Amino acid sequence: LIRSINDPEHPLTLEELNVVEQVRVKAMFAFRQVNDAESTVAVEFTPTIPHCSMATLIGLSIKVKLIRSLPERFKVDVHITPGTHASEHAVNKQLADKERVAAALENSHLLEVVNQCLSARS
């Protein structure tokens, strides 16, 4: 579901940039990728550089794609791979905050950028 998300700054997908990898998609509290019984999915993503200014936007795009694609019962956790970003804690905190995510998606400009990341490139 997330391999084809476009990077906001490059003409490549997150998979092509190794920002997302299948081994970093996990079920929370389990070793499977998606825990259907627990209705949970966790995704770690690795920004291309430790000071990537787009890390929050990339995480938000991943989260939105999963929320839109999975049944509503799923709890989606998106976070930065530990030790790969200078502001890892702050970005993870923003992505975990339901109110911040909802507010971000009410911003029409930000929603447009997220939708561009999620749209197929021609």
C-alpha atoms as a PDB file:
ATOM      1  CA  LEU A   1       0.000   0.000   0.000  1.00  0.00           C
ATOM      2  CA  ILE A   2       2.790   2.451   0.810  1.00  0.00           C
ATOM      3  CA  ARG A   3       5.593   1.499  -1.585  1.00  0.00           C
ATOM      4  CA  SER A   4       4.276   3.804  -4.330  1.00  0.00           C
ATOM      5  CA  ILE A   5       3.968   6.957  -2.187  1.00  0.00           C
ATOM      6  CA  ASN A   6       5.907   9.749  -3.842  1.00  0.00           C
ATOM      7  CA  ASP A   7       8.643  11.619  -2.013  1.00  0.00           C
ATOM      8  CA  PRO A   8       7.611  15.287  -1.645  1.00  0.00           C
ATOM      9  CA  GLU A   9      11.009  16.559  -2.872  1.00  0.00           C
ATOM     10  CA  HIS A  10      12.235  13.949  -5.359  1.00  0.00           C
ATOM     11  CA  PRO A  11      10.729  12.365  -8.483  1.00  0.00           C
ATOM     12  CA  LEU A  12      11.006   8.946  -6.832  1.00  0.00           C
ATOM     13  CA  THR A  13       8.830   6.808  -4.578  1.00  0.00           C
ATOM     14  CA  LEU A  14       9.573   6.190  -0.919  1.00  0.00           C
ATOM     15  CA  GLU A  15      10.456   2.595  -1.802  1.00  0.00           C
ATOM     16  CA  GLU A  16      12.918   3.696  -4.511  1.00  0.00           C
ATOM     17  CA  LEU A  17      14.622   5.954  -1.956  1.00  0.00           C
ATOM     18  CA  ASN A  18      14.646   3.161   0.679  1.00  0.00           C
ATOM     19  CA  VAL A  19      12.572   5.336   2.995  1.00  0.00           C
ATOM     20  CA  VAL A  20      10.137   2.450   3.400  1.00  0.00           C
ATOM     21  CA  GLU A  21      11.033  -1.232   3.344  1.00  0.00           C
ATOM     22  CA  GLN A  22       8.839  -4.270   3.829  1.00  0.00           C
ATOM     23  CA  VAL A  23      10.917  -5.432   6.818  1.00  0.00           C
ATOM     24  CA  ARG A  24       9.970  -2.217   8.669  1.00  0.00           C
ATOM     25  CA  VAL A  25       6.207  -2.860   8.472  1.00  0.00           C
ATOM     26  CA  LYS A  26       5.217  -4.692  11.624  1.00  0.00           C
ATOM     27  CA  ALA A  27       2.282  -5.617  13.748  1.00  0.00           C
ATOM     28  CA  MET A  28       2.525  -3.960  17.115  1.00  0.00           C
ATOM     29  CA  PHE A  29       3.331  -6.505  19.836  1.00  0.00           C
ATOM     30  CA  ALA A  30       3.872  -9.256  17.269  1.00  0.00           C
ATOM     31  CA  PHE A  31       6.314 -10.297  14.585  1.00  0.00           C
ATOM     32  CA  ARG A  32       3.927 -10.265  11.633  1.00  0.00           C
ATOM     33  CA  GLN A  33       3.590  -7.284   9.301  1.00  0.00           C
ATOM     34  CA  VAL A  34      -0.065  -6.647  10.065  1.00  0.00           C
ATOM     35  CA  ASN A  35      -1.778  -8.052  13.117  1.00  0.00           C
ATOM     36  CA  ASP A  36      -5.306  -8.655  11.849  1.00  0.00           C
ATOM     37  CA  ALA A  37      -6.525 -10.151  15.131  1.00  0.00           C
ATOM     38  CA  GLU A  38      -5.339  -7.111  17.099  1.00  0.00           C
ATOM     39  CA  SER A  39      -6.252  -4.661  14.287  1.00  0.00           C
ATOM     40  CA  THR A  40      -2.840  -2.999  14.432  1.00  0.00           C
ATOM     41  CA  VAL A  41      -0.137  -2.076  11.971  1.00  0.00           C
ATOM     42  CA  ALA A  42       3.128  -0.269  12.636  1.00  0.00           C
ATOM     43  CA  VAL A  43       5.417   1.237  10.029  1.00  0.00           C
ATOM     44  CA  GLU A  44       8.945   2.504  10.608  1.00  0.00           C
ATOM     45  CA  PHE A  45      10.324   4.773   7.937  1.00  0.00           C
ATOM     46  CA  THR A  46      13.874   5.975   7.447  1.00  0.00           C
ATOM     47  CA  PRO A  47      14.368   9.535   6.177  1.00  0.00           C
ATOM     48  CA  THR A  48      17.028   9.874   3.484  1.00  0.00           C
ATOM     49  CA  ILE A  49      19.140  12.176   5.691  1.00  0.00           C
ATOM     50  CA  PRO A  50      19.253  12.756   9.489  1.00  0.00           C
ATOM     51  CA  HIS A  51      17.989  16.358   9.132  1.00  0.00           C
ATOM     52  CA  CYS A  52      15.266  15.704   6.528  1.00  0.00           C
ATOM     53  CA  SER A  53      12.842  18.620   6.732  1.00  0.00           C
ATOM     54  CA  MET A  54      10.100  16.532   5.121  1.00  0.00           C
ATOM     55  CA  ALA A  55      10.084  13.729   7.713  1.00  0.00           C
ATOM     56  CA  THR A  56       6.772  14.739   9.275  1.00  0.00           C
ATOM     57  CA  LEU A  57       5.133  15.145   5.862  1.00  0.00           C
ATOM     58  CA  ILE A  58       6.416  11.741   4.746  1.00  0.00           C
ATOM     59  CA  GLY A  59       5.119  10.128   7.944  1.00  0.00           C
ATOM     60  CA  LEU A  60       1.778  11.887   7.551  1.00  0.00           C
ATOM     61  CA  SER A  61       1.495  10.651   3.954  1.00  0.00           C
ATOM     62  CA  ILE A  62       2.163   7.068   5.057  1.00  0.00           C
ATOM     63  CA  LYS A  63      -0.367   7.355   7.873  1.00  0.00           C
ATOM     64  CA  VAL A  64      -3.046   8.867   5.614  1.00  0.00           C
ATOM     65  CA  LYS A  65      -2.535   6.178   2.960  1.00  0.00           C
ATOM     66  CA  LEU A  66      -2.958   3.426   5.545  1.00  0.00           C
ATOM     67  CA  ILE A  67      -5.967   5.075   7.207  1.00  0.00           C
ATOM     68  CA  ARG A  68      -7.651   5.459   3.824  1.00  0.00           C
ATOM     69  CA  SER A  69      -6.804   1.918   2.696  1.00  0.00           C
ATOM     70  CA  LEU A  70      -7.328  -0.239   5.780  1.00  0.00           C
ATOM     71  CA  PRO A  71     -10.616  -0.953   7.547  1.00  0.00           C
ATOM     72  CA  GLU A  72     -11.471   1.638  10.217  1.00  0.00           C
ATOM     73  CA  ARG A  73     -10.827  -0.857  13.025  1.00  0.00           C
ATOM     74  CA  PHE A  74      -7.057  -0.713  12.437  1.00  0.00           C
ATOM     75  CA  LYS A  75      -4.832   1.335  14.713  1.00  0.00           C
ATOM     76  CA  VAL A  76      -2.022   2.760  12.584  1.00  0.00           C
ATOM     77  CA  ASP A  77       1.326   3.651  14.142  1.00  0.00           C
ATOM     78  CA  VAL A  78       3.851   5.413  11.906  1.00  0.00           C
ATOM     79  CA  HIS A  79       7.219   6.387  13.296  1.00  0.00           C
ATOM     80  CA  ILE A  80      10.829   7.035  12.333  1.00  0.00           C
ATOM     81  CA  THR A  81      13.299   4.168  12.496  1.00  0.00           C
ATOM     82  CA  PRO A  82      15.137   4.706  15.808  1.00  0.00           C
ATOM     83  CA  GLY A  83      18.401   6.616  15.478  1.00  0.00           C
ATOM     84  CA  THR A  84      17.878   7.810  11.898  1.00  0.00           C
ATOM     85  CA  HIS A  85      16.679  11.408  12.348  1.00  0.00           C
ATOM     86  CA  ALA A  86      17.829  14.327  14.471  1.00  0.00           C
ATOM     87  CA  SER A  87      14.243  15.208  15.501  1.00  0.00           C
ATOM     88  CA  GLU A  88      12.985  11.642  15.763  1.00  0.00           C
ATOM     89  CA  HIS A  89      11.188  12.151  19.098  1.00  0.00           C
ATOM     90  CA  ALA A  90       9.385  15.335  17.996  1.00  0.00           C
ATOM     91  CA  VAL A  91       8.295  13.867  14.653  1.00  0.00           C
ATOM     92  CA  ASN A  92       7.074  10.651  16.287  1.00  0.00           C
ATOM     93  CA  LYS A  93       5.144  12.678  18.861  1.00  0.00           C
ATOM     94  CA  GLN A  94       3.391  14.658  16.116  1.00  0.00           C
ATOM     95  CA  LEU A  95       2.520  11.537  14.122  1.00  0.00           C
ATOM     96  CA  ALA A  96       1.117   9.794  17.215  1.00  0.00           C
ATOM     97  CA  ASP A  97      -1.094  12.736  18.210  1.00  0.00           C
ATOM     98  CA  LYS A  98      -4.582  12.172  16.732  1.00  0.00           C
ATOM     99  CA  GLU A  99      -5.552  15.835  17.177  1.00  0.00           C
ATOM    100  CA  ARG A 100      -2.418  17.102  15.405  1.00  0.00           C
ATOM    101  CA  VAL A 101      -2.951  14.681  12.531  1.00  0.00           C
ATOM    102  CA  ALA A 102      -6.615  15.726  12.228  1.00  0.00           C
ATOM    103  CA  ALA A 103      -5.661  19.411  12.321  1.00  0.00           C
ATOM    104  CA  ALA A 104      -3.002  18.866   9.652  1.00  0.00           C
ATOM    105  CA  LEU A 105      -5.563  17.232   7.393  1.00  0.00           C
ATOM    106  CA  GLU A 106      -7.924  20.185   7.827  1.00  0.00           C
ATOM    107  CA  ASN A 107      -5.239  22.440   6.315  1.00  0.00           C
ATOM    108  CA  SER A 108      -6.166  22.521   2.619  1.00  0.00           C
ATOM    109  CA  HIS A 109      -2.614  23.282   1.430  1.00  0.00           C
ATOM    110  CA  LEU A 110      -1.092  20.480   3.490  1.00  0.00           C
ATOM    111  CA  LEU A 111      -3.822  18.060   2.405  1.00  0.00           C
ATOM    112  CA  GLU A 112      -3.093  18.950  -1.231  1.00  0.00           C
ATOM    113  CA  VAL A 113       0.608  18.135  -0.728  1.00  0.00           C
ATOM    114  CA  VAL A 114      -0.257  14.826   0.961  1.00  0.00           C
ATOM    115  CA  ASN A 115      -2.632  13.962  -1.881  1.00  0.00           C
ATOM    116  CA  GLN A 116       0.133  14.736  -4.404  1.00  0.00           C
ATOM    117  CA  CYS A 117       2.418  12.321  -2.548  1.00  0.00           C
ATOM    118  CA  LEU A 118      -0.298   9.677  -2.733  1.00  0.00           C
ATOM    119  CA  SER A 119      -1.199  10.181  -6.391  1.00  0.00           C
ATOM    120  CA  ALA A 120       0.313   8.092  -9.157  1.00  0.00           C
ATOM    121  CA  ARG A 121       3.030   9.846 -11.125  1.00  0.00           C
ATOM    122  CA  SER A 122       2.758   9.764 -14.877  1.00  0.00           C
END
